[in-house]
Structures are given as structure tokens and as C-alpha cells.
PDB file of N, CA and C in Angstrom:
ATOM      1  N   MET A   1       6.982 -17.239   0.657  1.00  0.00           N
ATOM      2  CA  MET A   1       5.821 -16.756  -0.616  1.00  0.00           C
ATOM      3  C   MET A   1       4.725 -17.521   0.182  1.00  0.00           C
ATOM      4  N   GLN A   2       3.573 -17.234   0.260  1.00  0.00           N
ATOM      5  CA  GLN A   2       2.228 -17.619   0.878  1.00  0.00           C
ATOM      6  C   GLN A   2       1.439 -17.800  -0.714  1.00  0.00           C
ATOM      7  N   THR A   3       1.070 -19.032  -0.061  1.00  0.00           N
ATOM      8  CA  THR A   3      -0.226 -19.386  -2.161  1.00  0.00           C
ATOM      9  C   THR A   3      -1.494 -19.219  -1.566  1.00  0.00           C
ATOM     10  N   VAL A   4      -2.484 -18.760  -2.119  1.00  0.00           N
ATOM     11  CA  VAL A   4      -4.016 -18.729  -2.306  1.00  0.00           C
ATOM     12  C   VAL A   4      -4.507 -19.295  -3.238  1.00  0.00           C
ATOM     13  N   THR A   5      -6.000 -19.815  -3.069  1.00  0.00           N
ATOM     14  CA  THR A   5      -6.723 -20.176  -3.922  1.00  0.00           C
ATOM     15  C   THR A   5      -7.539 -19.484  -4.123  1.00  0.00           C
ATOM     16  N   ILE A   6      -8.176 -18.937  -5.599  1.00  0.00           N
ATOM     17  CA  ILE A   6      -9.028 -18.781  -6.469  1.00  0.00           C
ATOM     18  C   ILE A   6     -10.304 -19.308  -5.880  1.00  0.00           C
ATOM     19  N   SER A   7     -11.465 -18.699  -5.342  1.00  0.00           N
ATOM     20  CA  SER A   7     -12.940 -19.461  -5.138  1.00  0.00           C
ATOM     21  C   SER A   7     -13.622 -19.294  -6.249  1.00  0.00           C
ATOM     22  N   PRO A   8     -14.783 -20.256  -6.361  1.00  0.00           N
ATOM     23  CA  PRO A   8     -15.533 -19.898  -7.628  1.00  0.00           C
ATOM     24  C   PRO A   8     -15.939 -18.467  -7.889  1.00  0.00           C
ATOM     25  N   LYS A   9     -16.180 -17.597  -6.769  1.00  0.00           N
ATOM     26  CA  LYS A   9     -16.473 -16.448  -6.979  1.00  0.00           C
ATOM     27  C   LYS A   9     -15.610 -15.429  -6.760  1.00  0.00           C
ATOM     28  N   TYR A  10     -14.180 -16.262  -7.095  1.00  0.00           N
ATOM     29  CA  TYR A  10     -13.083 -15.361  -7.485  1.00  0.00           C
ATOM     30  C   TYR A  10     -12.578 -14.686  -6.223  1.00  0.00           C
ATOM     31  N   GLN A  11     -13.122 -14.839  -5.093  1.00  0.00           N
ATOM     32  CA  GLN A  11     -12.372 -14.412  -4.122  1.00  0.00           C
ATOM     33  C   GLN A  11     -10.977 -15.163  -3.593  1.00  0.00           C
ATOM     34  N   VAL A  12     -10.586 -14.507  -2.673  1.00  0.00           N
ATOM     35  CA  VAL A  12      -9.088 -14.885  -2.275  1.00  0.00           C
ATOM     36  C   VAL A  12      -9.033 -14.804  -0.497  1.00  0.00           C
ATOM     37  N   VAL A  13      -8.546 -15.412  -0.079  1.00  0.00           N
ATOM     38  CA  VAL A  13      -8.015 -14.843   1.704  1.00  0.00           C
ATOM     39  C   VAL A  13      -6.598 -14.290   1.926  1.00  0.00           C
ATOM     40  N   ILE A  14      -6.360 -13.503   2.472  1.00  0.00           N
ATOM     41  CA  ILE A  14      -5.032 -12.668   2.439  1.00  0.00           C
ATOM     42  C   ILE A  14      -4.725 -13.421   3.865  1.00  0.00           C
ATOM     43  N   PRO A  15      -3.574 -14.075   3.631  1.00  0.00           N
ATOM     44  CA  PRO A  15      -2.734 -14.985   4.742  1.00  0.00           C
ATOM     45  C   PRO A  15      -2.693 -14.202   5.956  1.00  0.00           C
ATOM     46  N   LYS A  16      -3.176 -14.593   7.292  1.00  0.00           N
ATOM     47  CA  LYS A  16      -2.853 -13.999   8.355  1.00  0.00           C
ATOM     48  C   LYS A  16      -1.598 -13.285   8.952  1.00  0.00           C
ATOM     49  N   ILE A  17      -0.332 -13.498   8.426  1.00  0.00           N
ATOM     50  CA  ILE A  17       0.948 -13.082   8.668  1.00  0.00           C
ATOM     51  C   ILE A  17       0.935 -11.908   7.730  1.00  0.00           C
ATOM     52  N   ILE A  18      -0.120 -11.764   6.255  1.00  0.00           N
ATOM     53  CA  ILE A  18       0.390 -10.919   5.706  1.00  0.00           C
ATOM     54  C   ILE A  18      -0.414  -9.929   6.329  1.00  0.00           C
ATOM     55  N   ARG A  19      -1.359  -9.881   6.547  1.00  0.00           N
ATOM     56  CA  ARG A  19      -2.634  -9.110   7.645  1.00  0.00           C
ATOM     57  C   ARG A  19      -2.168  -8.705   8.534  1.00  0.00           C
ATOM     58  N   GLU A  20      -1.324  -9.189   9.533  1.00  0.00           N
ATOM     59  CA  GLU A  20      -0.858  -8.621  10.451  1.00  0.00           C
ATOM     60  C   GLU A  20      -0.130  -7.544  10.257  1.00  0.00           C
ATOM     61  N   ALA A  21       1.186  -8.365   9.051  1.00  0.00           N
ATOM     62  CA  ALA A  21       2.029  -7.079   8.978  1.00  0.00           C
ATOM     63  C   ALA A  21       1.454  -5.844   8.636  1.00  0.00           C
ATOM     64  N   LEU A  22       0.585  -5.814   7.645  1.00  0.00           N
ATOM     65  CA  LEU A  22       0.173  -4.423   6.934  1.00  0.00           C
ATOM     66  C   LEU A  22      -0.985  -3.985   7.941  1.00  0.00           C
ATOM     67  N   ARG A  23      -1.220  -4.621   9.214  1.00  0.00           N
ATOM     68  CA  ARG A  23      -1.941  -4.065   9.593  1.00  0.00           C
ATOM     69  C   ARG A  23      -3.727  -3.776   9.286  1.00  0.00           C
ATOM     70  N   LEU A  24      -3.684  -4.882   8.252  1.00  0.00           N
ATOM     71  CA  LEU A  24      -5.059  -4.663   7.327  1.00  0.00           C
ATOM     72  C   LEU A  24      -6.481  -4.978   8.425  1.00  0.00           C
ATOM     73  N   ARG A  25      -7.671  -4.356   8.057  1.00  0.00           N
ATOM     74  CA  ARG A  25      -8.599  -4.185   9.233  1.00  0.00           C
ATOM     75  C   ARG A  25      -9.793  -4.877   8.076  1.00  0.00           C
ATOM     76  N   PRO A  26     -10.888  -5.898   8.720  1.00  0.00           N
ATOM     77  CA  PRO A  26     -12.129  -6.213   7.936  1.00  0.00           C
ATOM     78  C   PRO A  26     -12.777  -4.794   7.237  1.00  0.00           C
ATOM     79  N   GLY A  27     -13.397  -4.517   6.171  1.00  0.00           N
ATOM     80  CA  GLY A  27     -14.066  -3.783   5.602  1.00  0.00           C
ATOM     81  C   GLY A  27     -13.177  -2.711   5.259  1.00  0.00           C
ATOM     82  N   GLN A  28     -11.803  -2.660   5.129  1.00  0.00           N
ATOM     83  CA  GLN A  28     -10.868  -1.407   4.701  1.00  0.00           C
ATOM     84  C   GLN A  28     -10.929  -1.798   2.955  1.00  0.00           C
ATOM     85  N   LYS A  29     -10.818  -0.400   2.459  1.00  0.00           N
ATOM     86  CA  LYS A  29     -10.483  -0.453   1.185  1.00  0.00           C
ATOM     87  C   LYS A  29      -9.289  -0.743   0.582  1.00  0.00           C
ATOM     88  N   MET A  30      -9.031  -1.346  -0.830  1.00  0.00           N
ATOM     89  CA  MET A  30      -7.700  -1.403  -1.101  1.00  0.00           C
ATOM     90  C   MET A  30      -7.490  -1.100  -2.733  1.00  0.00           C
ATOM     91  N   GLN A  31      -6.809  -0.951  -3.325  1.00  0.00           N
ATOM     92  CA  GLN A  31      -6.627  -0.509  -4.713  1.00  0.00           C
ATOM     93  C   GLN A  31      -6.114  -1.839  -5.236  1.00  0.00           C
ATOM     94  N   VAL A  32      -6.650  -2.227  -6.385  1.00  0.00           N
ATOM     95  CA  VAL A  32      -6.393  -3.210  -7.057  1.00  0.00           C
ATOM     96  C   VAL A  32      -5.669  -2.944  -8.604  1.00  0.00           C
ATOM     97  N   ILE A  33      -4.308  -3.218  -8.774  1.00  0.00           N
ATOM     98  CA  ILE A  33      -4.159  -2.548 -10.051  1.00  0.00           C
ATOM     99  C   ILE A  33      -3.105  -4.024 -10.474  1.00  0.00           C
ATOM    100  N   GLU A  34      -3.423  -4.244 -12.149  1.00  0.00           N
ATOM    101  CA  GLU A  34      -2.424  -5.402 -12.785  1.00  0.00           C
ATOM    102  C   GLU A  34      -1.326  -4.511 -13.195  1.00  0.00           C
ATOM    103  N   TYR A  35      -0.045  -5.488 -13.023  1.00  0.00           N
ATOM    104  CA  TYR A  35       1.261  -4.758 -13.144  1.00  0.00           C
ATOM    105  C   TYR A  35       2.013  -6.026 -14.070  1.00  0.00           C
ATOM    106  N   ALA A  36       2.729  -5.538 -14.947  1.00  0.00           N
ATOM    107  CA  ALA A  36       3.521  -6.546 -15.938  1.00  0.00           C
ATOM    108  C   ALA A  36       3.045  -7.849 -15.428  1.00  0.00           C
ATOM    109  N   GLY A  37       1.928  -8.459 -15.593  1.00  0.00           N
ATOM    110  CA  GLY A  37       1.644  -9.851 -15.634  1.00  0.00           C
ATOM    111  C   GLY A  37       0.760 -10.165 -14.158  1.00  0.00           C
ATOM    112  N   ARG A  38       0.771  -9.349 -13.325  1.00  0.00           N
ATOM    113  CA  ARG A  38       0.367  -9.737 -11.921  1.00  0.00           C
ATOM    114  C   ARG A  38      -0.590  -8.889 -11.336  1.00  0.00           C
ATOM    115  N   ILE A  39      -0.810  -9.341 -10.110  1.00  0.00           N
ATOM    116  CA  ILE A  39      -1.861  -8.267  -9.423  1.00  0.00           C
ATOM    117  C   ILE A  39      -1.491  -7.699  -8.277  1.00  0.00           C
ATOM    118  N   GLU A  40      -1.559  -6.380  -7.981  1.00  0.00           N
ATOM    119  CA  GLU A  40      -1.137  -5.606  -6.903  1.00  0.00           C
ATOM    120  C   GLU A  40      -1.974  -5.391  -5.834  1.00  0.00           C
ATOM    121  N   LEU A  41      -2.248  -5.651  -4.952  1.00  0.00           N
ATOM    122  CA  LEU A  41      -3.074  -4.674  -3.716  1.00  0.00           C
ATOM    123  C   LEU A  41      -2.744  -3.799  -3.038  1.00  0.00           C
ATOM    124  N   ILE A  42      -3.214  -2.632  -2.874  1.00  0.00           N
ATOM    125  CA  ILE A  42      -2.441  -1.708  -2.209  1.00  0.00           C
ATOM    126  C   ILE A  42      -3.605  -0.878  -1.419  1.00  0.00           C
ATOM    127  N   PRO A  43      -3.365  -1.198  -0.076  1.00  0.00           N
ATOM    128  CA  PRO A  43      -4.352  -1.089   0.995  1.00  0.00           C
ATOM    129  C   PRO A  43      -4.290   0.957   1.348  1.00  0.00           C
ATOM    130  N   ASP A  44      -5.756   1.219   1.161  1.00  0.00           N
ATOM    131  CA  ASP A  44      -5.722   2.640   1.139  1.00  0.00           C
ATOM    132  C   ASP A  44      -5.781   3.211   2.662  1.00  0.00           C
ATOM    133  N   ARG A  45      -5.118   4.081   3.175  1.00  0.00           N
ATOM    134  CA  ARG A  45      -4.849   4.254   4.055  1.00  0.00           C
ATOM    135  C   ARG A  45      -5.153   5.966   4.690  1.00  0.00           C
ATOM    136  N   ASP A  46      -6.155   5.804   5.803  1.00  0.00           N
ATOM    137  CA  ASP A  46      -6.547   6.823   6.439  1.00  0.00           C
ATOM    138  C   ASP A  46      -5.347   8.241   6.301  1.00  0.00           C
ATOM    139  N   ILE A  47      -5.572   9.345   6.284  1.00  0.00           N
ATOM    140  CA  ILE A  47      -4.810  10.395   6.827  1.00  0.00           C
ATOM    141  C   ILE A  47      -4.263  10.386   8.018  1.00  0.00           C
ATOM    142  N   GLY A  48      -4.840  10.183   8.769  1.00  0.00           N
ATOM    143  CA  GLY A  48      -4.391   9.870  10.120  1.00  0.00           C
ATOM    144  C   GLY A  48      -2.980   9.282  10.214  1.00  0.00           C
ATOM    145  N   GLU A  49      -3.346   7.724   9.836  1.00  0.00           N
ATOM    146  CA  GLU A  49      -2.043   7.143   9.644  1.00  0.00           C
ATOM    147  C   GLU A  49      -0.867   7.280   9.192  1.00  0.00           C
ATOM    148  N   LEU A  50      -0.834   8.782   7.831  1.00  0.00           N
ATOM    149  CA  LEU A  50       0.339   9.100   7.631  1.00  0.00           C
ATOM    150  C   LEU A  50       0.848  10.239   8.520  1.00  0.00           C
ATOM    151  N   LYS A  51       0.243  10.451   9.444  1.00  0.00           N
ATOM    152  CA  LYS A  51       1.094  11.608  10.030  1.00  0.00           C
ATOM    153  C   LYS A  51       2.278  11.490  10.366  1.00  0.00           C
ATOM    154  N   GLY A  52       3.526  11.858  10.425  1.00  0.00           N
ATOM    155  CA  GLY A  52       4.800  11.882  10.769  1.00  0.00           C
ATOM    156  C   GLY A  52       5.670  11.067   9.816  1.00  0.00           C
ATOM    157  N   PHE A  53       5.325  10.333   8.829  1.00  0.00           N
ATOM    158  CA  PHE A  53       5.578   9.798   8.081  1.00  0.00           C
ATOM    159  C   PHE A  53       6.907  10.042   7.253  1.00  0.00           C
ATOM    160  N   LEU A  54       7.089  11.398   6.980  1.00  0.00           N
ATOM    161  CA  LEU A  54       7.815  12.157   6.219  1.00  0.00           C
ATOM    162  C   LEU A  54       9.297  13.032   7.285  1.00  0.00           C
ATOM    163  N   LYS A  55       9.138  12.519   8.685  1.00  0.00           N
ATOM    164  CA  LYS A  55       9.610  13.091   9.713  1.00  0.00           C
ATOM    165  C   LYS A  55      10.828  12.896   9.760  1.00  0.00           C
ATOM    166  N   GLY A  56      12.006  13.943   9.603  1.00  0.00           N
ATOM    167  CA  GLY A  56      13.418  14.005   9.440  1.00  0.00           C
ATOM    168  C   GLY A  56      13.602  13.726   7.742  1.00  0.00           C
ATOM    169  N   ILE A  57      12.760  13.670   7.059  1.00  0.00           N
ATOM    170  CA  ILE A  57      13.133  14.009   5.625  1.00  0.00           C
ATOM    171  C   ILE A  57      13.729  15.600   5.687  1.00  0.00           C
ATOM    172  N   THR A  58      15.162  15.802   4.399  1.00  0.00           N
ATOM    173  CA  THR A  58      15.671  16.946   4.522  1.00  0.00           C
ATOM    174  C   THR A  58      14.658  17.627   3.229  1.00  0.00           C
ATOM    175  N   THR A  59      14.588  18.696   3.347  1.00  0.00           N
ATOM    176  CA  THR A  59      14.013  19.597   2.217  1.00  0.00           C
ATOM    177  C   THR A  59      15.031  20.616   1.822  1.00  0.00           C
ATOM    178  N   GLU A  60      16.297  20.601   2.084  1.00  0.00           N
ATOM    179  CA  GLU A  60      17.410  21.491   1.658  1.00  0.00           C
ATOM    180  C   GLU A  60      17.675  21.096   0.008  1.00  0.00           C
ATOM    181  N   PHE A  61      17.772  21.877  -0.630  1.00  0.00           N
ATOM    182  CA  PHE A  61      18.856  21.478  -1.928  1.00  0.00           C
ATOM    183  C   PHE A  61      18.805  22.691  -2.440  1.00  0.00           C
ATOM    184  N   ASP A  62      19.560  22.356  -3.426  1.00  0.00           N
ATOM    185  CA  ASP A  62      19.763  23.439  -4.569  1.00  0.00           C
ATOM    186  C   ASP A  62      18.661  23.885  -5.541  1.00  0.00           C
ATOM    187  N   ARG A  63      17.919  24.561  -5.699  1.00  0.00           N
ATOM    188  CA  ARG A  63      17.027  25.441  -7.076  1.00  0.00           C
ATOM    189  C   ARG A  63      17.578  25.844  -8.299  1.00  0.00           C
ATOM    190  N   GLU A  64      17.542  25.610  -9.038  1.00  0.00           N
ATOM    191  CA  GLU A  64      17.416  26.489 -10.261  1.00  0.00           C
ATOM    192  C   GLU A  64      17.151  27.815 -10.247  1.00  0.00           C
ATOM    193  N   GLN A  65      17.675  28.763 -10.701  1.00  0.00           N
ATOM    194  CA  GLN A  65      17.919  30.091 -10.520  1.00  0.00           C
ATOM    195  C   GLN A  65      16.404  30.434 -11.204  1.00  0.00           C
ATOM    196  N   ASP A  66      15.702  29.892 -12.189  1.00  0.00           N
ATOM    197  CA  ASP A  66      14.489  30.623 -12.593  1.00  0.00           C
ATOM    198  C   ASP A  66      13.646  29.750 -11.358  1.00  0.00           C
ATOM    199  N   ARG A  67      13.696  29.164 -10.974  1.00  0.00           N
ATOM    200  CA  ARG A  67      12.804  28.432  -9.546  1.00  0.00           C
ATOM    201  C   ARG A  67      12.804  29.442  -8.382  1.00  0.00           C
ATOM    202  N   LEU A  68      13.548  30.238  -8.653  1.00  0.00           N
ATOM    203  CA  LEU A  68      13.747  30.918  -7.014  1.00  0.00           C
ATOM    204  C   LEU A  68      12.575  31.739  -6.801  1.00  0.00           C
TER     205      LEU A  68
END
């Protein structure tokens, strides 16, 4: 677990190992969520980065009769 310090301007630096693992870029937008007493940062992704992430997913399942 990495530890960061909040600056007087309420800024934090995301550790390099995490930036590299998530392929974060300078200027990239992130969503900030407070959840269960913690802060979560969720990187916004370009639609092009999502291409193929559902490859191989099965779309076959039984539908209810009123949904056919």
C-alpha cells in the first residue's frame, strides 16, 4: 500500500508505480467518489481504449417468455 501526503492546497501525487500500472497521463480526467469513508479515483477512459474489452463474452442465455 502506498502512502501520500495532502498538500496545503489539498493536492496529492499519485505514486509512479500506480500511474504506470493504470497508464495514467498528465491532464487525464478522473472521477472522484466518496464511498464508505474512503476516496476513490476512477480514470475516465477514451472510447477507443475500450475496444475489444468484451471480446469472448458469451451472449447466450435463456430469456423469459415475455422477453422474446
